[in-house]
Amino acid sequence: MKPIPAHAPSPSAVPLDEPVVVRALAALAQDVRLRVFRVLVAAGADGTTPSKLCACLEVAPTTLSFHLKELVNAGLVGQERE
């Protein structure tokens, strides 16, 4: 899992898509999801694995899976399978 890179033009050049912003902020308004997102941002473009996230955040795999799904649905993280 890793954060989706921000390759957008300057904020003044892009109109604010309020539904997208509201969905992202709503996803981050939950403590576990915010912690997951912060760890992924710190991990950088290479991201990290779900098992490492579970260990780092001390959450059960099913709990992490639920919260990652919400972050993916909000467009905040992406996943790659190896």
N, C-alpha and C. Protein backbone atom coordinates (compact mmCIF):
# COMPACT_ATOMS: atom_id res chain seq x y z
N MET A 1 0.85 -1.16 0.00
CA MET A 1 0.00 0.00 0.00
C MET A 1 0.90 1.23 0.00
N LYS A 2 0.44 2.27 -0.66
CA LYS A 2 1.19 3.52 -0.67
C LYS A 2 0.26 4.67 -0.99
N PRO A 3 0.65 5.87 -0.57
CA PRO A 3 -0.19 7.02 -0.88
C PRO A 3 -0.14 7.31 -2.37
N ILE A 4 -1.22 7.84 -2.90
CA ILE A 4 -1.26 8.22 -4.30
C ILE A 4 -0.48 9.53 -4.44
N PRO A 5 0.50 9.59 -5.37
CA PRO A 5 1.31 10.80 -5.50
C PRO A 5 0.48 12.01 -5.92
N ALA A 6 0.90 13.14 -5.44
CA ALA A 6 0.20 14.39 -5.76
C ALA A 6 0.94 15.08 -6.90
N HIS A 7 0.55 14.77 -8.12
CA HIS A 7 1.17 15.39 -9.30
C HIS A 7 0.19 16.37 -9.93
N ALA A 8 -0.46 17.13 -9.11
CA ALA A 8 -1.48 18.06 -9.61
C ALA A 8 -0.87 19.44 -9.81
N PRO A 9 -1.46 20.21 -10.70
CA PRO A 9 -1.03 21.61 -10.86
C PRO A 9 -1.29 22.38 -9.58
N SER A 10 -0.84 23.61 -9.54
CA SER A 10 -1.02 24.42 -8.34
C SER A 10 -2.50 24.53 -8.00
N PRO A 11 -2.82 24.63 -6.68
CA PRO A 11 -4.23 24.68 -6.27
C PRO A 11 -5.02 25.80 -6.92
N SER A 12 -4.36 26.91 -7.23
CA SER A 12 -5.10 28.02 -7.84
C SER A 12 -5.51 27.71 -9.28
N ALA A 13 -4.83 26.74 -9.92
CA ALA A 13 -5.14 26.40 -11.31
C ALA A 13 -6.21 25.32 -11.42
N VAL A 14 -6.52 24.65 -10.31
CA VAL A 14 -7.46 23.54 -10.35
C VAL A 14 -8.70 23.91 -9.53
N PRO A 15 -9.88 23.82 -10.11
CA PRO A 15 -11.08 24.10 -9.32
C PRO A 15 -11.25 23.03 -8.24
N LEU A 16 -11.73 23.44 -7.09
CA LEU A 16 -11.93 22.54 -5.98
C LEU A 16 -13.12 21.63 -6.25
N ASP A 17 -12.87 20.33 -6.24
CA ASP A 17 -13.93 19.35 -6.42
C ASP A 17 -14.42 18.98 -5.04
N GLU A 18 -15.40 19.72 -4.54
CA GLU A 18 -15.84 19.57 -3.15
C GLU A 18 -16.25 18.16 -2.76
N PRO A 19 -17.00 17.43 -3.58
CA PRO A 19 -17.35 16.05 -3.16
C PRO A 19 -16.12 15.17 -2.94
N VAL A 20 -15.10 15.35 -3.76
CA VAL A 20 -13.88 14.56 -3.61
C VAL A 20 -13.16 14.93 -2.32
N VAL A 21 -13.06 16.22 -2.05
CA VAL A 21 -12.40 16.70 -0.84
C VAL A 21 -13.17 16.24 0.40
N VAL A 22 -14.47 16.34 0.38
CA VAL A 22 -15.29 15.91 1.52
C VAL A 22 -15.11 14.42 1.77
N ARG A 23 -15.08 13.61 0.72
CA ARG A 23 -14.89 12.16 0.86
C ARG A 23 -13.52 11.85 1.48
N ALA A 24 -12.48 12.56 1.03
CA ALA A 24 -11.14 12.34 1.57
C ALA A 24 -11.05 12.76 3.03
N LEU A 25 -11.60 13.92 3.35
CA LEU A 25 -11.56 14.38 4.74
C LEU A 25 -12.38 13.48 5.65
N ALA A 26 -13.51 12.99 5.17
CA ALA A 26 -14.33 12.07 5.97
C ALA A 26 -13.56 10.78 6.26
N ALA A 27 -12.83 10.29 5.28
CA ALA A 27 -12.05 9.07 5.48
C ALA A 27 -10.96 9.28 6.53
N LEU A 28 -10.36 10.46 6.54
CA LEU A 28 -9.27 10.74 7.48
C LEU A 28 -9.77 11.16 8.85
N ALA A 29 -11.07 11.33 9.00
CA ALA A 29 -11.63 11.78 10.28
C ALA A 29 -11.80 10.62 11.27
N GLN A 30 -11.19 9.49 10.99
CA GLN A 30 -11.24 8.33 11.88
C GLN A 30 -9.80 8.04 12.30
N ASP A 31 -9.57 7.82 13.59
CA ASP A 31 -8.21 7.76 14.10
C ASP A 31 -7.34 6.66 13.49
N VAL A 32 -7.86 5.46 13.29
CA VAL A 32 -7.04 4.40 12.71
C VAL A 32 -6.68 4.73 11.26
N ARG A 33 -7.64 5.23 10.49
CA ARG A 33 -7.35 5.58 9.09
C ARG A 33 -6.34 6.71 9.01
N LEU A 34 -6.43 7.68 9.90
CA LEU A 34 -5.45 8.76 9.90
C LEU A 34 -4.06 8.23 10.22
N ARG A 35 -3.97 7.32 11.18
CA ARG A 35 -2.67 6.72 11.52
C ARG A 35 -2.12 5.91 10.34
N VAL A 36 -2.97 5.14 9.67
CA VAL A 36 -2.54 4.36 8.50
C VAL A 36 -2.02 5.31 7.42
N PHE A 37 -2.77 6.36 7.14
CA PHE A 37 -2.37 7.30 6.09
C PHE A 37 -1.03 7.96 6.43
N ARG A 38 -0.84 8.34 7.70
CA ARG A 38 0.41 8.99 8.11
C ARG A 38 1.60 8.04 7.93
N VAL A 39 1.43 6.76 8.27
CA VAL A 39 2.51 5.78 8.08
C VAL A 39 2.82 5.61 6.60
N LEU A 40 1.78 5.57 5.76
CA LEU A 40 2.01 5.41 4.32
C LEU A 40 2.69 6.63 3.73
N VAL A 41 2.33 7.81 4.16
CA VAL A 41 2.99 9.02 3.67
C VAL A 41 4.46 9.00 4.08
N ALA A 42 4.74 8.61 5.33
CA ALA A 42 6.12 8.54 5.81
C ALA A 42 6.91 7.48 5.04
N ALA A 43 6.25 6.40 4.60
CA ALA A 43 6.92 5.34 3.86
C ALA A 43 7.34 5.80 2.46
N GLY A 44 6.67 6.81 1.95
CA GLY A 44 7.03 7.36 0.65
C GLY A 44 6.47 6.56 -0.51
N ALA A 45 7.02 6.81 -1.67
CA ALA A 45 6.51 6.24 -2.93
C ALA A 45 6.59 4.72 -2.97
N ASP A 46 7.52 4.12 -2.22
CA ASP A 46 7.63 2.66 -2.22
C ASP A 46 6.54 2.01 -1.38
N GLY A 47 5.92 2.77 -0.49
CA GLY A 47 4.85 2.23 0.33
C GLY A 47 5.33 1.18 1.30
N THR A 48 4.43 0.35 1.76
CA THR A 48 4.76 -0.73 2.69
C THR A 48 3.70 -1.82 2.53
N THR A 49 3.91 -2.91 3.20
CA THR A 49 2.98 -4.03 3.09
C THR A 49 1.93 -3.97 4.20
N PRO A 50 0.79 -4.59 3.96
CA PRO A 50 -0.23 -4.65 5.03
C PRO A 50 0.29 -5.30 6.31
N SER A 51 1.12 -6.33 6.19
CA SER A 51 1.63 -6.99 7.40
C SER A 51 2.51 -6.05 8.21
N LYS A 52 3.30 -5.23 7.53
CA LYS A 52 4.13 -4.25 8.25
C LYS A 52 3.26 -3.17 8.88
N LEU A 53 2.17 -2.78 8.19
CA LEU A 53 1.25 -1.80 8.76
C LEU A 53 0.60 -2.36 10.03
N CYS A 54 0.16 -3.62 9.99
CA CYS A 54 -0.45 -4.24 11.17
C CYS A 54 0.51 -4.21 12.36
N ALA A 55 1.76 -4.57 12.10
CA ALA A 55 2.74 -4.62 13.18
C ALA A 55 3.03 -3.21 13.72
N CYS A 56 3.19 -2.27 12.82
CA CYS A 56 3.52 -0.89 13.20
C CYS A 56 2.38 -0.24 14.00
N LEU A 57 1.17 -0.47 13.56
CA LEU A 57 0.01 0.19 14.18
C LEU A 57 -0.67 -0.66 15.25
N GLU A 58 -0.21 -1.92 15.40
CA GLU A 58 -0.78 -2.84 16.37
C GLU A 58 -2.29 -2.99 16.21
N VAL A 59 -2.69 -3.29 14.96
CA VAL A 59 -4.10 -3.54 14.66
C VAL A 59 -4.22 -4.92 14.01
N ALA A 60 -5.38 -5.53 14.16
CA ALA A 60 -5.63 -6.84 13.56
C ALA A 60 -5.73 -6.71 12.04
N PRO A 61 -5.36 -7.74 11.31
CA PRO A 61 -5.44 -7.70 9.84
C PRO A 61 -6.84 -7.37 9.33
N THR A 62 -7.88 -7.89 9.96
CA THR A 62 -9.23 -7.60 9.49
C THR A 62 -9.58 -6.13 9.71
N THR A 63 -9.11 -5.56 10.81
CA THR A 63 -9.33 -4.14 11.09
C THR A 63 -8.61 -3.29 10.06
N LEU A 64 -7.36 -3.64 9.79
CA LEU A 64 -6.58 -2.89 8.80
C LEU A 64 -7.23 -2.99 7.43
N SER A 65 -7.67 -4.17 7.06
CA SER A 65 -8.30 -4.36 5.75
C SER A 65 -9.52 -3.45 5.59
N PHE A 66 -10.35 -3.38 6.62
CA PHE A 66 -11.52 -2.52 6.59
C PHE A 66 -11.13 -1.06 6.36
N HIS A 67 -10.14 -0.59 7.11
CA HIS A 67 -9.74 0.81 7.02
C HIS A 67 -9.01 1.12 5.71
N LEU A 68 -8.22 0.18 5.21
CA LEU A 68 -7.57 0.39 3.91
C LEU A 68 -8.60 0.50 2.80
N LYS A 69 -9.65 -0.34 2.88
CA LYS A 69 -10.72 -0.27 1.88
C LYS A 69 -11.34 1.13 1.85
N GLU A 70 -11.56 1.70 3.01
CA GLU A 70 -12.14 3.04 3.08
C GLU A 70 -11.19 4.09 2.49
N LEU A 71 -9.89 3.95 2.74
CA LEU A 71 -8.91 4.89 2.18
C LEU A 71 -8.80 4.73 0.66
N VAL A 72 -8.89 3.51 0.17
CA VAL A 72 -8.88 3.27 -1.28
C VAL A 72 -10.12 3.88 -1.91
N ASN A 73 -11.29 3.65 -1.30
CA ASN A 73 -12.54 4.20 -1.83
C ASN A 73 -12.54 5.72 -1.85
N ALA A 74 -11.81 6.33 -0.91
CA ALA A 74 -11.73 7.79 -0.86
C ALA A 74 -10.67 8.32 -1.83
N GLY A 75 -9.95 7.43 -2.50
CA GLY A 75 -8.93 7.85 -3.46
C GLY A 75 -7.64 8.32 -2.82
N LEU A 76 -7.41 7.94 -1.56
CA LEU A 76 -6.22 8.41 -0.85
C LEU A 76 -5.04 7.45 -0.94
N VAL A 77 -5.29 6.18 -1.15
CA VAL A 77 -4.21 5.20 -1.28
C VAL A 77 -4.52 4.27 -2.43
N GLY A 78 -3.48 3.64 -2.92
CA GLY A 78 -3.61 2.65 -3.97
C GLY A 78 -2.87 1.40 -3.56
N GLN A 79 -3.06 0.35 -4.31
CA GLN A 79 -2.37 -0.90 -3.98
C GLN A 79 -1.81 -1.55 -5.22
N GLU A 80 -0.71 -2.25 -5.00
CA GLU A 80 -0.07 -3.02 -6.06
C GLU A 80 0.17 -4.41 -5.53
N ARG A 81 -0.13 -5.42 -6.32
CA ARG A 81 0.16 -6.80 -5.92
C ARG A 81 1.42 -7.26 -6.62
N GLU A 82 2.23 -7.97 -5.87
CA GLU A 82 3.50 -8.48 -6.44
C GLU A 82 3.40 -9.94 -6.73
